[in-house]
Amino acid sequence: MLDHIALQCADVEASTRFYSAVLSKVGVHLLVDTDDALGFGESRPTFWIGPWRTGDGFRESHIAFAAPDRDSVLAFFHTAVAEGAEVLYEPAEWPQYHPGYYAAFVRDPDGNNVEAVFSGYTPGPA
């Protein structure tokens, strides 16, 4: 459904370090580095960060990155904590979302709610 998402960051260097570290654990890497923005993705940039240029105040965003397996969720979480991220929710099953939903939630350097999730969902017969 989404083609890409972009966040404005108060400290682009801190956000670049954070996202480079945690996203590498779920198979996402920095692909584009321009004067105005940095693009992360697997084969093309789908997640962008850049300097805060518009708007006043802060409004929390929630971003969930797909992880290929539970171990990747754990690696994401431990890397985020090592980078100084605030823990919102440790890695756990979230059956209220759907069976097999395994995720961890942290805050990025700008205070956004960032999640790594292994869906683990296998639909039953139609």
Protein backbone atom coordinates (compact mmCIF):
# COMPACT_ATOMS: atom_id res chain seq x y z
CA MET A 1 0.00 0.00 0.00
CA LEU A 2 2.73 2.53 0.89
CA ASP A 3 5.53 3.43 -1.51
CA HIS A 4 7.71 5.22 1.04
CA ILE A 5 7.68 7.26 4.25
CA ALA A 6 9.85 10.19 5.37
CA LEU A 7 10.57 11.68 8.78
CA GLN A 8 12.02 15.07 9.67
CA CYS A 9 14.72 14.71 12.33
CA ALA A 10 15.99 17.20 14.88
CA ASP A 11 19.46 15.62 14.79
CA VAL A 12 20.08 13.95 11.43
CA GLU A 13 23.45 12.50 12.51
CA ALA A 14 21.94 10.82 15.60
CA SER A 15 19.03 9.49 13.55
CA THR A 16 21.37 8.23 10.82
CA ARG A 17 23.44 6.32 13.39
CA PHE A 18 20.31 4.90 15.05
CA TYR A 19 18.55 3.81 11.86
CA SER A 20 21.73 2.50 10.20
CA ALA A 21 22.34 0.30 13.25
CA VAL A 22 18.83 -1.00 13.95
CA LEU A 23 17.58 -1.38 10.39
CA SER A 24 20.59 -3.48 9.40
CA LYS A 25 19.18 -6.12 11.77
CA VAL A 26 16.04 -6.45 9.63
CA GLY A 27 17.78 -6.39 6.24
CA VAL A 28 17.41 -2.67 5.51
CA HIS A 29 20.41 -0.47 4.70
CA LEU A 30 21.29 3.12 3.77
CA LEU A 31 21.03 3.31 -0.03
CA VAL A 32 20.91 7.05 -0.80
CA ASP A 33 22.70 9.92 0.93
CA THR A 34 21.96 13.38 -0.52
CA ASP A 35 22.37 16.87 0.89
CA ASP A 36 18.72 16.90 1.99
CA ALA A 37 17.77 13.31 2.77
CA LEU A 38 18.94 9.78 3.47
CA GLY A 39 17.06 6.83 2.00
CA PHE A 40 17.00 3.35 3.53
CA GLY A 41 15.65 0.18 1.98
CA GLU A 42 16.32 -3.32 0.75
CA SER A 43 16.56 -2.82 -3.01
CA ARG A 44 15.28 0.76 -3.23
CA PRO A 45 14.78 3.51 -0.66
CA THR A 46 11.40 3.25 1.05
CA PHE A 47 12.22 4.96 4.37
CA TRP A 48 13.70 8.46 4.32
CA ILE A 49 15.02 10.81 6.99
CA GLY A 50 16.10 14.41 6.70
CA PRO A 51 16.42 17.64 8.64
CA TRP A 52 13.43 19.14 10.42
CA ARG A 53 12.28 21.98 8.13
CA THR A 54 8.55 22.47 8.56
CA GLY A 55 5.95 22.54 11.30
CA ASP A 56 6.11 23.42 14.97
CA GLY A 57 6.25 21.08 17.92
CA PHE A 58 6.40 17.32 17.92
CA ARG A 59 3.81 14.75 16.91
CA GLU A 60 4.79 11.14 17.51
CA SER A 61 4.84 8.84 14.52
CA HIS A 62 4.67 5.05 14.63
CA ILE A 63 6.72 3.08 12.13
CA ALA A 64 6.79 -0.72 11.96
CA PHE A 65 9.61 -2.40 10.04
CA ALA A 66 9.06 -5.97 8.83
CA ALA A 67 11.59 -8.45 10.19
CA PRO A 68 12.32 -11.75 8.44
CA ASP A 69 12.20 -13.76 11.68
CA ARG A 70 12.05 -13.55 15.48
CA ASP A 71 15.84 -13.45 15.81
CA SER A 72 15.88 -10.28 13.72
CA VAL A 73 13.34 -8.67 16.05
CA LEU A 74 15.59 -9.54 18.99
CA ALA A 75 18.68 -8.19 17.21
CA PHE A 76 16.83 -4.97 16.34
CA PHE A 77 15.74 -4.57 19.96
CA HIS A 78 19.17 -5.22 21.49
CA THR A 79 20.85 -2.91 18.98
CA ALA A 80 18.33 -0.14 19.67
CA VAL A 81 18.90 -0.45 23.41
CA ALA A 82 22.68 -0.36 22.86
CA GLU A 83 22.13 2.83 20.82
CA GLY A 84 20.38 4.36 23.85
CA ALA A 85 16.77 3.94 22.71
CA GLU A 86 14.01 4.08 25.30
CA VAL A 87 12.24 0.73 25.55
CA LEU A 88 8.50 0.94 24.99
CA TYR A 89 7.79 -2.82 24.84
CA GLU A 90 10.31 -5.65 24.94
CA PRO A 91 10.07 -8.40 22.31
CA ALA A 92 6.87 -10.35 22.82
CA GLU A 93 3.92 -12.03 21.14
CA TRP A 94 1.02 -9.71 20.45
CA PRO A 95 -1.89 -12.12 19.76
CA GLN A 96 -4.39 -9.26 19.96
CA TYR A 97 -3.07 -8.16 16.55
CA HIS A 98 -3.06 -11.65 15.04
CA PRO A 99 -1.60 -15.10 15.77
CA GLY A 100 2.18 -15.16 15.34
CA TYR A 101 2.67 -11.37 15.67
CA TYR A 102 6.05 -10.94 17.41
CA ALA A 103 7.36 -7.43 17.92
CA ALA A 104 9.50 -5.01 19.92
CA PHE A 105 8.90 -1.27 20.29
CA VAL A 106 11.45 1.50 21.06
CA ARG A 107 11.77 5.28 20.71
CA ASP A 108 14.08 6.73 18.06
CA PRO A 109 16.25 9.82 18.78
CA ASP A 110 13.28 12.10 17.97
CA GLY A 111 10.83 10.24 20.21
CA ASN A 112 8.97 8.29 17.53
CA ASN A 113 7.60 4.84 18.28
CA VAL A 114 9.64 2.42 16.14
CA GLU A 115 8.75 -1.26 15.90
CA ALA A 116 10.34 -4.35 14.42
CA VAL A 117 7.77 -7.04 13.72
CA PHE A 118 7.87 -10.60 12.48
CA SER A 119 4.35 -11.26 11.31
CA GLY A 120 4.55 -15.03 11.39
CA TYR A 121 1.00 -15.05 10.13
CA THR A 122 -0.16 -17.92 8.02
CA PRO A 123 -3.74 -17.45 6.85
CA GLY A 124 -6.02 -20.40 7.22
CA PRO A 125 -8.25 -21.83 4.48
CA ALA A 126 -10.60 -19.36 2.88
